C-alpha atoms as a PDB file:
ATOM      1  CA  UNK A   1     -28.084 -77.802 -43.054  1.00  0.00           C
ATOM      2  CA  UNK A   2     -30.293 -78.898 -41.028  1.00  0.00           C
ATOM      3  CA  UNK A   3     -32.608 -75.937 -39.175  1.00  0.00           C
ATOM      4  CA  UNK A   4     -30.890 -77.101 -36.410  1.00  0.00           C
ATOM      5  CA  UNK A   5     -27.669 -74.367 -35.757  1.00  0.00           C
ATOM      6  CA  UNK A   6     -25.135 -76.995 -33.762  1.00  0.00           C
ATOM      7  CA  UNK A   7     -21.403 -77.516 -34.154  1.00  0.00           C
ATOM      8  CA  UNK A   8     -19.204 -78.335 -31.887  1.00  0.00           C
ATOM      9  CA  UNK A   9     -16.171 -77.348 -30.906  1.00  0.00           C
ATOM     10  CA  UNK A  10     -13.350 -79.659 -30.417  1.00  0.00           C
ATOM     11  CA  UNK A  11     -12.350 -79.011 -27.181  1.00  0.00           C
ATOM     12  CA  UNK A  12     -15.488 -80.613 -26.378  1.00  0.00           C
ATOM     13  CA  UNK A  13     -13.264 -83.581 -27.346  1.00  0.00           C
ATOM     14  CA  UNK A  14     -10.125 -83.140 -26.535  1.00  0.00           C
ATOM     15  CA  UNK A  15      -8.574 -86.087 -24.771  1.00  0.00           C
ATOM     16  CA  UNK A  16      -9.406 -86.996 -29.374  1.00  0.00           C
ATOM     17  CA  UNK A  17      -7.313 -86.521 -32.641  1.00  0.00           C
ATOM     18  CA  UNK A  18      -7.882 -84.442 -35.117  1.00  0.00           C
ATOM     19  CA  UNK A  19      -8.810 -87.247 -37.106  1.00  0.00           C
ATOM     20  CA  UNK A  20     -10.362 -88.912 -34.295  1.00  0.00           C
ATOM     21  CA  UNK A  21     -13.162 -85.987 -34.099  1.00  0.00           C
ATOM     22  CA  UNK A  22     -13.892 -85.655 -37.720  1.00  0.00           C
ATOM     23  CA  UNK A  23     -15.008 -89.686 -37.096  1.00  0.00           C
ATOM     24  CA  UNK A  24     -17.331 -88.571 -34.326  1.00  0.00           C
ATOM     25  CA  UNK A  25     -18.740 -85.969 -35.619  1.00  0.00           C
ATOM     26  CA  UNK A  26     -19.776 -87.103 -39.126  1.00  0.00           C
ATOM     27  CA  UNK A  27     -21.290 -90.685 -37.338  1.00  0.00           C
ATOM     28  CA  UNK A  28     -23.221 -88.515 -35.373  1.00  0.00           C
ATOM     29  CA  UNK A  29     -24.884 -86.034 -37.986  1.00  0.00           C
ATOM     30  CA  UNK A  30     -22.882 -82.589 -37.368  1.00  0.00           C
ATOM     31  CA  UNK A  31     -21.899 -80.554 -39.313  1.00  0.00           C
ATOM     32  CA  UNK A  32     -20.720 -77.868 -37.655  1.00  0.00           C
ATOM     33  CA  UNK A  33     -17.010 -77.404 -36.472  1.00  0.00           C
ATOM     34  CA  UNK A  34     -15.063 -74.599 -34.997  1.00  0.00           C
ATOM     35  CA  UNK A  35     -11.781 -76.446 -35.210  1.00  0.00           C
ATOM     36  CA  UNK A  36      -9.059 -76.020 -32.881  1.00  0.00           C
ATOM     37  CA  UNK A  37      -5.550 -75.330 -34.809  1.00  0.00           C
ATOM     38  CA  UNK A  38      -3.968 -77.412 -31.502  1.00  0.00           C
ATOM     39  CA  UNK A  39      -4.784 -80.440 -33.317  1.00  0.00           C
ATOM     40  CA  UNK A  40      -3.153 -79.621 -35.858  1.00  0.00           C
ATOM     41  CA  UNK A  41       0.000 -79.997 -37.151  1.00  0.00           C
ATOM     42  CA  UNK A  42       1.779 -77.762 -37.186  1.00  0.00           C
ATOM     43  CA  UNK A  43       4.297 -77.785 -39.661  1.00  0.00           C
ATOM     44  CA  UNK A  44       2.138 -79.772 -42.245  1.00  0.00           C
ATOM     45  CA  UNK A  45      -1.316 -79.676 -41.979  1.00  0.00           C
ATOM     46  CA  UNK A  46      -2.605 -79.395 -44.609  1.00  0.00           C
ATOM     47  CA  UNK A  47      -3.717 -82.967 -45.309  1.00  0.00           C
ATOM     48  CA  UNK A  48      -5.627 -82.512 -41.872  1.00  0.00           C
ATOM     49  CA  UNK A  49      -7.360 -79.657 -43.161  1.00  0.00           C
ATOM     50  CA  UNK A  50      -8.441 -81.569 -46.813  1.00  0.00           C
ATOM     51  CA  UNK A  51      -9.507 -83.983 -44.830  1.00  0.00           C
ATOM     52  CA  UNK A  52     -11.795 -81.791 -43.500  1.00  0.00           C
ATOM     53  CA  UNK A  53     -12.785 -79.892 -46.609  1.00  0.00           C
ATOM     54  CA  UNK A  54     -14.177 -84.156 -47.821  1.00  0.00           C
ATOM     55  CA  UNK A  55     -15.961 -84.296 -44.381  1.00  0.00           C
ATOM     56  CA  UNK A  56     -18.712 -81.557 -46.000  1.00  0.00           C
ATOM     57  CA  UNK A  57     -18.566 -79.894 -42.488  1.00  0.00           C
ATOM     58  CA  UNK A  58     -19.129 -76.144 -42.129  1.00  0.00           C
ATOM     59  CA  UNK A  59     -16.169 -74.660 -40.378  1.00  0.00           C
ATOM     60  CA  UNK A  60     -18.125 -72.431 -38.424  1.00  0.00           C
ATOM     61  CA  UNK A  61     -14.598 -70.938 -36.307  1.00  0.00           C
ATOM     62  CA  UNK A  62     -11.477 -72.017 -35.241  1.00  0.00           C
ATOM     63  CA  UNK A  63      -9.339 -71.556 -31.904  1.00  0.00           C
ATOM     64  CA  UNK A  64      -6.529 -69.919 -33.400  1.00  0.00           C
ATOM     65  CA  UNK A  65      -3.458 -71.920 -31.888  1.00  0.00           C
ATOM     66  CA  UNK A  66      -2.175 -68.636 -29.517  1.00  0.00           C
ATOM     67  CA  UNK A  67      -5.345 -66.836 -29.480  1.00  0.00           C
ATOM     68  CA  UNK A  68      -4.667 -64.518 -27.372  1.00  0.00           C
ATOM     69  CA  UNK A  69      -3.150 -60.717 -27.443  1.00  0.00           C
ATOM     70  CA  UNK A  70      -1.284 -60.833 -23.682  1.00  0.00           C
ATOM     71  CA  UNK A  71      -0.552 -64.039 -21.693  1.00  0.00           C
ATOM     72  CA  UNK A  72      -2.442 -66.462 -20.909  1.00  0.00           C
ATOM     73  CA  UNK A  73      -2.486 -68.731 -18.277  1.00  0.00           C
ATOM     74  CA  UNK A  74      -2.610 -71.549 -20.596  1.00  0.00           C
ATOM     75  CA  UNK A  75      -0.425 -70.304 -23.388  1.00  0.00           C
ATOM     76  CA  UNK A  76       2.345 -68.234 -21.319  1.00  0.00           C
ATOM     77  CA  UNK A  77       5.189 -67.165 -24.491  1.00  0.00           C
ATOM     78  CA  UNK A  78       5.950 -65.296 -25.917  1.00  0.00           C
ATOM     79  CA  UNK A  79       5.391 -62.517 -24.150  1.00  0.00           C
ATOM     80  CA  UNK A  80       5.365 -59.377 -26.170  1.00  0.00           C
ATOM     81  CA  UNK A  81       2.080 -59.047 -27.978  1.00  0.00           C
ATOM     82  CA  UNK A  82       3.870 -57.933 -31.289  1.00  0.00           C
ATOM     83  CA  UNK A  83       5.183 -61.928 -31.073  1.00  0.00           C
ATOM     84  CA  UNK A  84       1.974 -62.737 -29.952  1.00  0.00           C
ATOM     85  CA  UNK A  85       0.070 -61.533 -32.906  1.00  0.00           C
ATOM     86  CA  UNK A  86       3.011 -62.326 -35.942  1.00  0.00           C
ATOM     87  CA  UNK A  87       1.243 -66.073 -35.036  1.00  0.00           C
ATOM     88  CA  UNK A  88      -2.252 -64.748 -35.330  1.00  0.00           C
ATOM     89  CA  UNK A  89      -1.463 -63.313 -38.681  1.00  0.00           C
ATOM     90  CA  UNK A  90      -0.218 -67.129 -39.147  1.00  0.00           C
ATOM     91  CA  UNK A  91      -3.054 -68.669 -38.250  1.00  0.00           C
ATOM     92  CA  UNK A  92      -4.853 -65.755 -40.558  1.00  0.00           C
ATOM     93  CA  UNK A  93      -3.208 -66.465 -43.184  1.00  0.00           C
ATOM     94  CA  UNK A  94      -3.630 -70.463 -43.931  1.00  0.00           C
ATOM     95  CA  UNK A  95      -7.807 -69.971 -43.516  1.00  0.00           C
ATOM     96  CA  UNK A  96      -7.755 -67.941 -45.354  1.00  0.00           C
ATOM     97  CA  UNK A  97      -6.400 -70.007 -48.320  1.00  0.00           C
ATOM     98  CA  UNK A  98      -8.090 -72.741 -46.631  1.00  0.00           C
ATOM     99  CA  UNK A  99     -11.720 -71.925 -45.493  1.00  0.00           C
ATOM    100  CA  UNK A 100     -12.398 -68.205 -46.434  1.00  0.00           C
ATOM    101  CA  UNK A 101     -15.439 -66.711 -44.218  1.00  0.00           C
ATOM    102  CA  UNK A 102     -15.190 -68.500 -41.348  1.00  0.00           C
ATOM    103  CA  UNK A 103     -14.843 -67.014 -38.255  1.00  0.00           C
ATOM    104  CA  UNK A 104     -11.167 -67.040 -35.620  1.00  0.00           C
ATOM    105  CA  UNK A 105     -11.727 -66.346 -31.969  1.00  0.00           C
ATOM    106  CA  UNK A 106      -9.386 -64.449 -29.923  1.00  0.00           C
ATOM    107  CA  UNK A 107      -8.977 -63.190 -26.361  1.00  0.00           C
ATOM    108  CA  UNK A 108      -7.178 -60.900 -25.157  1.00  0.00           C
ATOM    109  CA  UNK A 109      -4.318 -62.323 -21.950  1.00  0.00           C
ATOM    110  CA  UNK A 110      -3.973 -60.686 -19.252  1.00  0.00           C
ATOM    111  CA  UNK A 111      -3.275 -57.062 -18.614  1.00  0.00           C
ATOM    112  CA  UNK A 112       0.848 -56.506 -18.279  1.00  0.00           C
ATOM    113  CA  UNK A 113       1.363 -55.351 -14.721  1.00  0.00           C
ATOM    114  CA  UNK A 114      -2.130 -54.329 -14.162  1.00  0.00           C
ATOM    115  CA  UNK A 115      -2.284 -51.856 -16.581  1.00  0.00           C
ATOM    116  CA  UNK A 116      -5.373 -51.107 -17.858  1.00  0.00           C
ATOM    117  CA  UNK A 117      -4.912 -48.285 -19.119  1.00  0.00           C
ATOM    118  CA  UNK A 118      -1.984 -49.486 -22.064  1.00  0.00           C
ATOM    119  CA  UNK A 119      -3.390 -52.869 -22.472  1.00  0.00           C
ATOM    120  CA  UNK A 120      -6.607 -51.323 -23.897  1.00  0.00           C
ATOM    121  CA  UNK A 121      -4.776 -48.937 -26.472  1.00  0.00           C
ATOM    122  CA  UNK A 122      -2.451 -52.926 -27.113  1.00  0.00           C
ATOM    123  CA  UNK A 123      -5.636 -53.855 -27.631  1.00  0.00           C
ATOM    124  CA  UNK A 124      -6.869 -51.002 -30.386  1.00  0.00           C
ATOM    125  CA  UNK A 125      -3.569 -50.967 -32.308  1.00  0.00           C
ATOM    126  CA  UNK A 126      -3.213 -54.791 -32.474  1.00  0.00           C
ATOM    127  CA  UNK A 127      -6.683 -56.124 -32.949  1.00  0.00           C
ATOM    128  CA  UNK A 128      -7.184 -53.167 -35.772  1.00  0.00           C
ATOM    129  CA  UNK A 129      -4.237 -54.412 -38.212  1.00  0.00           C
ATOM    130  CA  UNK A 130      -5.026 -57.991 -37.213  1.00  0.00           C
ATOM    131  CA  UNK A 131      -8.318 -56.975 -38.930  1.00  0.00           C
ATOM    132  CA  UNK A 132      -7.694 -55.376 -41.661  1.00  0.00           C
ATOM    133  CA  UNK A 133      -5.080 -58.333 -42.434  1.00  0.00           C
ATOM    134  CA  UNK A 134      -8.441 -60.732 -41.872  1.00  0.00           C
ATOM    135  CA  UNK A 135     -10.466 -58.447 -44.555  1.00  0.00           C
ATOM    136  CA  UNK A 136      -7.559 -59.821 -46.787  1.00  0.00           C
ATOM    137  CA  UNK A 137      -7.178 -62.841 -46.653  1.00  0.00           C
ATOM    138  CA  UNK A 138     -11.561 -63.269 -46.371  1.00  0.00           C
ATOM    139  CA  UNK A 139     -11.913 -64.109 -43.232  1.00  0.00           C
ATOM    140  CA  UNK A 140     -13.273 -62.191 -40.073  1.00  0.00           C
ATOM    141  CA  UNK A 141     -11.933 -62.163 -36.587  1.00  0.00           C
ATOM    142  CA  UNK A 142     -13.896 -62.045 -32.989  1.00  0.00           C
ATOM    143  CA  UNK A 143     -12.949 -60.790 -29.495  1.00  0.00           C
ATOM    144  CA  UNK A 144     -14.587 -63.165 -26.610  1.00  0.00           C
ATOM    145  CA  UNK A 145     -15.001 -61.477 -23.107  1.00  0.00           C
ATOM    146  CA  UNK A 146     -14.167 -63.892 -20.078  1.00  0.00           C
ATOM    147  CA  UNK A 147     -15.928 -64.210 -17.016  1.00  0.00           C
ATOM    148  CA  UNK A 148     -14.670 -62.047 -13.730  1.00  0.00           C
ATOM    149  CA  UNK A 149     -13.179 -65.153 -12.137  1.00  0.00           C
ATOM    150  CA  UNK A 150     -10.263 -65.266 -14.730  1.00  0.00           C
ATOM    151  CA  UNK A 151      -9.343 -61.525 -14.380  1.00  0.00           C
ATOM    152  CA  UNK A 152      -6.074 -60.949 -14.196  1.00  0.00           C
ATOM    153  CA  UNK A 153      -5.904 -64.504 -15.203  1.00  0.00           C
ATOM    154  CA  UNK A 154      -6.445 -64.426 -19.117  1.00  0.00           C
ATOM    155  CA  UNK A 155      -8.151 -61.604 -19.534  1.00  0.00           C
ATOM    156  CA  UNK A 156      -8.832 -57.967 -19.029  1.00  0.00           C
ATOM    157  CA  UNK A 157     -12.389 -57.509 -20.919  1.00  0.00           C
ATOM    158  CA  UNK A 158     -14.469 -59.273 -18.412  1.00  0.00           C
ATOM    159  CA  UNK A 159     -18.089 -58.191 -19.763  1.00  0.00           C
ATOM    160  CA  UNK A 160     -19.583 -57.354 -23.471  1.00  0.00           C
ATOM    161  CA  UNK A 161     -19.086 -53.798 -22.671  1.00  0.00           C
ATOM    162  CA  UNK A 162     -15.632 -54.133 -21.409  1.00  0.00           C
ATOM    163  CA  UNK A 163     -15.329 -56.332 -25.551  1.00  0.00           C
ATOM    164  CA  UNK A 164     -17.521 -54.214 -27.141  1.00  0.00           C
ATOM    165  CA  UNK A 165     -14.794 -50.506 -26.196  1.00  0.00           C
ATOM    166  CA  UNK A 166     -12.464 -52.482 -27.897  1.00  0.00           C
ATOM    167  CA  UNK A 167     -15.261 -53.042 -30.676  1.00  0.00           C
ATOM    168  CA  UNK A 168     -16.291 -49.813 -30.903  1.00  0.00           C
ATOM    169  CA  UNK A 169     -12.990 -47.935 -31.381  1.00  0.00           C
ATOM    170  CA  UNK A 170     -11.101 -50.713 -34.040  1.00  0.00           C
ATOM    171  CA  UNK A 171     -14.054 -50.314 -35.669  1.00  0.00           C
ATOM    172  CA  UNK A 172     -13.790 -52.595 -38.684  1.00  0.00           C
ATOM    173  CA  UNK A 173     -16.524 -54.299 -40.796  1.00  0.00           C
ATOM    174  CA  UNK A 174     -14.763 -57.815 -39.613  1.00  0.00           C
ATOM    175  CA  UNK A 175     -13.422 -57.738 -36.230  1.00  0.00           C
ATOM    176  CA  UNK A 176     -16.417 -58.442 -33.745  1.00  0.00           C
ATOM    177  CA  UNK A 177     -17.739 -60.243 -31.395  1.00  0.00           C
ATOM    178  CA  UNK A 178     -18.200 -63.805 -29.816  1.00  0.00           C
ATOM    179  CA  UNK A 179     -20.301 -64.600 -27.185  1.00  0.00           C
ATOM    180  CA  UNK A 180     -20.147 -67.232 -24.854  1.00  0.00           C
ATOM    181  CA  UNK A 181     -23.468 -67.101 -22.443  1.00  0.00           C
ATOM    182  CA  UNK A 182     -20.600 -68.967 -19.698  1.00  0.00           C
ATOM    183  CA  UNK A 183     -19.042 -66.046 -19.532  1.00  0.00           C
ATOM    184  CA  UNK A 184     -21.643 -63.468 -19.956  1.00  0.00           C
ATOM    185  CA  UNK A 185     -25.019 -64.730 -18.601  1.00  0.00           C
ATOM    186  CA  UNK A 186     -23.925 -63.015 -14.864  1.00  0.00           C
ATOM    187  CA  UNK A 187     -24.296 -59.960 -17.243  1.00  0.00           C
ATOM    188  CA  UNK A 188     -27.061 -57.450 -15.981  1.00  0.00           C
ATOM    189  CA  UNK A 189     -26.769 -55.537 -18.943  1.00  0.00           C
ATOM    190  CA  UNK A 190     -26.003 -59.023 -21.273  1.00  0.00           C
ATOM    191  CA  UNK A 191     -29.521 -58.411 -23.083  1.00  0.00           C
ATOM    192  CA  UNK A 192     -29.681 -55.393 -24.072  1.00  0.00           C
ATOM    193  CA  UNK A 193     -25.744 -55.813 -25.268  1.00  0.00           C
ATOM    194  CA  UNK A 194     -26.086 -58.322 -27.352  1.00  0.00           C
ATOM    195  CA  UNK A 195     -29.228 -56.276 -28.694  1.00  0.00           C
ATOM    196  CA  UNK A 196     -26.962 -53.255 -28.941  1.00  0.00           C
ATOM    197  CA  UNK A 197     -24.103 -55.257 -30.404  1.00  0.00           C
ATOM    198  CA  UNK A 198     -26.071 -57.924 -32.457  1.00  0.00           C
ATOM    199  CA  UNK A 199     -24.881 -56.700 -35.797  1.00  0.00           C
ATOM    200  CA  UNK A 200     -21.607 -57.627 -34.595  1.00  0.00           C
ATOM    201  CA  UNK A 201     -22.197 -61.095 -33.201  1.00  0.00           C
ATOM    202  CA  UNK A 202     -19.595 -63.435 -34.994  1.00  0.00           C
ATOM    203  CA  UNK A 203     -20.460 -66.388 -33.324  1.00  0.00           C
ATOM    204  CA  UNK A 204     -21.836 -67.830 -30.256  1.00  0.00           C
ATOM    205  CA  UNK A 205     -20.338 -70.632 -27.175  1.00  0.00           C
ATOM    206  CA  UNK A 206     -23.669 -72.686 -25.365  1.00  0.00           C
ATOM    207  CA  UNK A 207     -22.485 -74.311 -22.014  1.00  0.00           C
ATOM    208  CA  UNK A 208     -23.871 -73.998 -18.358  1.00  0.00           C
ATOM    209  CA  UNK A 209     -23.397 -73.668 -15.611  1.00  0.00           C
ATOM    210  CA  UNK A 210     -21.533 -75.213 -12.784  1.00  0.00           C
ATOM    211  CA  UNK A 211     -19.542 -73.698  -9.543  1.00  0.00           C
ATOM    212  CA  UNK A 212     -16.008 -74.137 -10.825  1.00  0.00           C
ATOM    213  CA  UNK A 213     -13.705 -77.133  -9.293  1.00  0.00           C
ATOM    214  CA  UNK A 214     -10.384 -76.004 -11.877  1.00  0.00           C
ATOM    215  CA  UNK A 215     -10.941 -73.855 -14.635  1.00  0.00           C
ATOM    216  CA  UNK A 216     -12.222 -75.949 -17.654  1.00  0.00           C
ATOM    217  CA  UNK A 217     -15.869 -77.869 -15.252  1.00  0.00           C
ATOM    218  CA  UNK A 218     -18.366 -76.730 -17.145  1.00  0.00           C
ATOM    219  CA  UNK A 219     -22.214 -79.030 -17.096  1.00  0.00           C
ATOM    220  CA  UNK A 220     -24.114 -79.562 -20.796  1.00  0.00           C
ATOM    221  CA  UNK A 221     -26.830 -76.804 -22.252  1.00  0.00           C
ATOM    222  CA  UNK A 222     -29.742 -77.591 -19.312  1.00  0.00           C
ATOM    223  CA  UNK A 223     -28.028 -78.717 -16.526  1.00  0.00           C
ATOM    224  CA  UNK A 224     -26.453 -75.522 -15.011  1.00  0.00           C
ATOM    225  CA  UNK A 225     -28.111 -72.564 -14.066  1.00  0.00           C
ATOM    226  CA  UNK A 226     -27.302 -69.929 -16.808  1.00  0.00           C
ATOM    227  CA  UNK A 227     -31.008 -69.265 -18.108  1.00  0.00           C
ATOM    228  CA  UNK A 228     -30.254 -70.447 -21.978  1.00  0.00           C
ATOM    229  CA  UNK A 229     -33.603 -69.808 -23.318  1.00  0.00           C
ATOM    230  CA  UNK A 230     -34.058 -66.118 -22.564  1.00  0.00           C
ATOM    231  CA  UNK A 231     -30.043 -65.476 -23.774  1.00  0.00           C
ATOM    232  CA  UNK A 232     -30.542 -66.985 -26.444  1.00  0.00           C
ATOM    233  CA  UNK A 233     -33.070 -65.717 -27.568  1.00  0.00           C
ATOM    234  CA  UNK A 234     -31.454 -62.406 -27.327  1.00  0.00           C
ATOM    235  CA  UNK A 235     -28.796 -63.713 -28.860  1.00  0.00           C
ATOM    236  CA  UNK A 236     -31.833 -64.906 -32.270  1.00  0.00           C
ATOM    237  CA  UNK A 237     -33.888 -61.775 -32.079  1.00  0.00           C
ATOM    238  CA  UNK A 238     -30.400 -59.809 -32.301  1.00  0.00           C
ATOM    239  CA  UNK A 239     -30.203 -60.645 -35.783  1.00  0.00           C
ATOM    240  CA  UNK A 240     -27.818 -63.826 -35.262  1.00  0.00           C
ATOM    241  CA  UNK A 241     -28.483 -66.637 -38.089  1.00  0.00           C
ATOM    242  CA  UNK A 242     -25.077 -68.430 -37.470  1.00  0.00           C
ATOM    243  CA  UNK A 243     -24.093 -71.416 -35.467  1.00  0.00           C
ATOM    244  CA  UNK A 244     -24.665 -71.942 -31.631  1.00  0.00           C
ATOM    245  CA  UNK A 245     -21.326 -73.937 -30.857  1.00  0.00           C
ATOM    246  CA  UNK A 246     -20.938 -76.748 -28.315  1.00  0.00           C
ATOM    247  CA  UNK A 247     -17.840 -75.912 -25.607  1.00  0.00           C
ATOM    248  CA  UNK A 248     -16.997 -77.173 -23.131  1.00  0.00           C
ATOM    249  CA  UNK A 249     -14.074 -77.819 -20.669  1.00  0.00           C
ATOM    250  CA  UNK A 250     -14.145 -81.175 -18.583  1.00  0.00           C
ATOM    251  CA  UNK A 251     -11.205 -82.044 -17.307  1.00  0.00           C
ATOM    252  CA  UNK A 252     -10.308 -85.452 -17.300  1.00  0.00           C
ATOM    253  CA  UNK A 253      -8.754 -85.460 -13.692  1.00  0.00           C
ATOM    254  CA  UNK A 254     -12.290 -84.243 -12.125  1.00  0.00           C
ATOM    255  CA  UNK A 255     -15.192 -86.686 -12.030  1.00  0.00           C
ATOM    256  CA  UNK A 256     -17.925 -87.109 -13.805  1.00  0.00           C
ATOM    257  CA  UNK A 257     -15.498 -85.647 -16.485  1.00  0.00           C
ATOM    258  CA  UNK A 258     -17.549 -84.972 -20.153  1.00  0.00           C
ATOM    259  CA  UNK A 259     -13.954 -85.850 -21.328  1.00  0.00           C
ATOM    260  CA  UNK A 260     -13.756 -89.186 -20.458  1.00  0.00           C
ATOM    261  CA  UNK A 261     -16.988 -90.311 -23.132  1.00  0.00           C
ATOM    262  CA  UNK A 262     -16.582 -87.926 -26.010  1.00  0.00           C
ATOM    263  CA  UNK A 263     -19.566 -89.630 -28.003  1.00  0.00           C
ATOM    264  CA  UNK A 264     -21.743 -89.034 -25.181  1.00  0.00           C
ATOM    265  CA  UNK A 265     -20.912 -85.796 -24.127  1.00  0.00           C
ATOM    266  CA  UNK A 266     -21.831 -84.698 -28.398  1.00  0.00           C
ATOM    267  CA  UNK A 267     -24.794 -86.922 -27.753  1.00  0.00           C
ATOM    268  CA  UNK A 268     -26.038 -85.795 -25.371  1.00  0.00           C
ATOM    269  CA  UNK A 269     -24.834 -81.906 -25.731  1.00  0.00           C
ATOM    270  CA  UNK A 270     -27.266 -82.639 -29.232  1.00  0.00           C
ATOM    271  CA  UNK A 271     -30.114 -82.930 -27.124  1.00  0.00           C
ATOM    272  CA  UNK A 272     -29.858 -80.971 -24.396  1.00  0.00           C
ATOM    273  CA  UNK A 273     -29.691 -78.028 -27.037  1.00  0.00           C
ATOM    274  CA  UNK A 274     -33.018 -79.366 -29.430  1.00  0.00           C
ATOM    275  CA  UNK A 275     -34.664 -79.068 -26.021  1.00  0.00           C
ATOM    276  CA  UNK A 276     -33.662 -75.229 -25.810  1.00  0.00           C
ATOM    277  CA  UNK A 277     -34.316 -74.605 -29.176  1.00  0.00           C
ATOM    278  CA  UNK A 278     -37.810 -75.225 -29.385  1.00  0.00           C
ATOM    279  CA  UNK A 279     -37.981 -73.346 -26.555  1.00  0.00           C
ATOM    280  CA  UNK A 280     -36.033 -70.169 -28.177  1.00  0.00           C
ATOM    281  CA  UNK A 281     -37.836 -70.295 -31.621  1.00  0.00           C
ATOM    282  CA  UNK A 282     -41.659 -71.397 -29.955  1.00  0.00           C
END
């Protein structure tokens, strides 16, 4: 592993196939990948996972095919949290077999009927059970709070504090926090909460903020207004030593979409992160 703790999420190069991602990342010297399970053949993922092993890249994290406890905008079915967590347990088993030690990302989904009390109660019970299963299979789960613009659409957990409440209640060593700077940068208490949950941070997404033209619309690091040096320095000082994963949502129907030229996006994303990281470590 190089000294630059940089990785790329397959969401960043969404129009490409799984194999095209592997070929591009290897050609560009990317050493860590966040796998999007949706790019795998649902019936026969093993050949693709073997190709990933053969690539020599580190799997920093995994975005499960169905990764929210309650329905969210892109995955409204099934409605039942129990059915959704059954799907997540299948992902736990799959990656536990092939990539033990990796982290699976989960989000809450929207609170059913706006019932936040029930949503919290259900989240704690379901995630506690899932964390135990993750431990049995040698992987971890990380809960990612989302920006408040996604409240009642994709999440009921919109701050690190909200996610921390669930994490503390689950109280399991294999259940922690995934920090995406795009989601938490406006949270006034973010630096303090990053310090508080430093030993529970299992992964980090990097990108930058623009006023979204659609739900999937972000800037490359350094092109927006997020105080990335401050936030990444806080994460590093809190004790996080893992990968910082470039995660770009950038719908091709939008002018200037980063998805139209994946190679350029990965190249520029790495260069931008490198420049920011040098300041973080100064």
